[in-house]
């Protein structure tokens, strides 16, 4: 009986889970394309590179979509179980809520284990490669493309205007080139009736051969002539070579880009965190020693010294009591300079330690977040199973609205906890686990609601009101 019941429950989970996972991934992918495709288009990026970039960014979409798909699948599966009165019949046979739900919790725990591996190993690597690929794409200028009647100005030190370019050929008609290699104030103007453009080195170099043209350029003063001169040259053929290294897309090496908190695997993240803590502690020790040396010098006690006498000159400090005004100034002035130097050093060390503390908090937040989001798969099953039985509906509209509200509350709490933890308002572990703690509390209350069948009893306020009325009578 129980085995058949477990099979019925488990059979209802995969369909909604994968259906919602595909839907959510599609929506997140469309959001990504709408946001970033205009920045990619028009740069001559190979299609394979664009597909690779999208594949790397699918990793963060999986992190968002999987927990919500678990919640939706649990709501739909157990909602249909209650809507079809199946749960009522099961409950009447004496089978408890725990006996029904534990196979689904095992599946959610396995999924949580998979997400732990994904968040700690695959997601950082995908983030690193996506970030590196974004850097390569943003460093590439739009491809070389001459359009008739429009100046091409994406080439360094040159502006090119072509009046006509026959389609499908490399011939140019009525070419005008502004050459700024000698500076904007000494620009040269080259005009030609026609030209031919050829590429080499995989498009990294261009050779432009001009025919029947002339060049106009100013000449700087020389030893023989101190005045500005103007030169006009005519030519039958003139060749210009251009370098387009910033136009051709080139991939950087895998480890050229430094890794941030979101691109580090967990072992490296922990090693960096330990290094930062050690460095911060060393700075604190340096601050303590500097303060002791500068402001609290050790003075050996002299037991044979006579008892202090009344000062011959008025002074606020006993050590300066026996000194005249000039001697006091000669002592106080270096001491004040040393105190100011010590104050400046202390402030610098304090700023450095504060910056290191912020970095340490950001690393701790990222560490706890990897585990917190993975645990959400299990927590959402704990919330979704009793909530689906309590709603007694398996329809898309109701389930979708409830799941969206729960997930928005969870995600807003998680994001705000992350920001407040990085700013030092909360401990990093609390900021990253507070959303899970709230959802766990809600799940436990829902389990009690279903197990105790509170939906069939009068509301608490009504029972409280009736109890007060009974006391009056």
Foldseek 3Di string as FASTA:
>chain_A
DLVVLQCLLVVQQPVQLVVQLVVQLVVVLVVVCVVCVVVQPQQPDDPVLVVLLSVLVSLVSCLQRNLLSLLLSQLQSLLQCQLVVVVVVVVVVVDFPCSNQVVVLVVLVVQLVVLLCSQQPVNLQSVLVSVQSVVLSVLADGADDADAPDWDDPAPQKIKHFNDDDPPFQKTAWIWMWGQPVHPVWIKIKTAGMWGWDADPQRQKIKIKGAWIKMKTKDADDPVGHDIGIDMGTDGIDMDMGGRPRSDRDHDDSPPDDGALRNDRDVVLVVVLVVLVVVLVVLVVVLVVLCCVLPPPDDDDDPPDDDDDQAPDDDPDSVCRPPDPVVVCVVVVVSVVSVVVSVVSNVVSVVVSVVSVLRSLLSLLSNLLSSLSSCSSSLSSLQNNLVSSVVSHNDPVVSVVVSVVLSVVLVVQQVVLSVCSSVPNDPSNCSRCVSVVVSNVNSVVSSCCRRVVVVVPDDPVVVVVVVVVVVVD
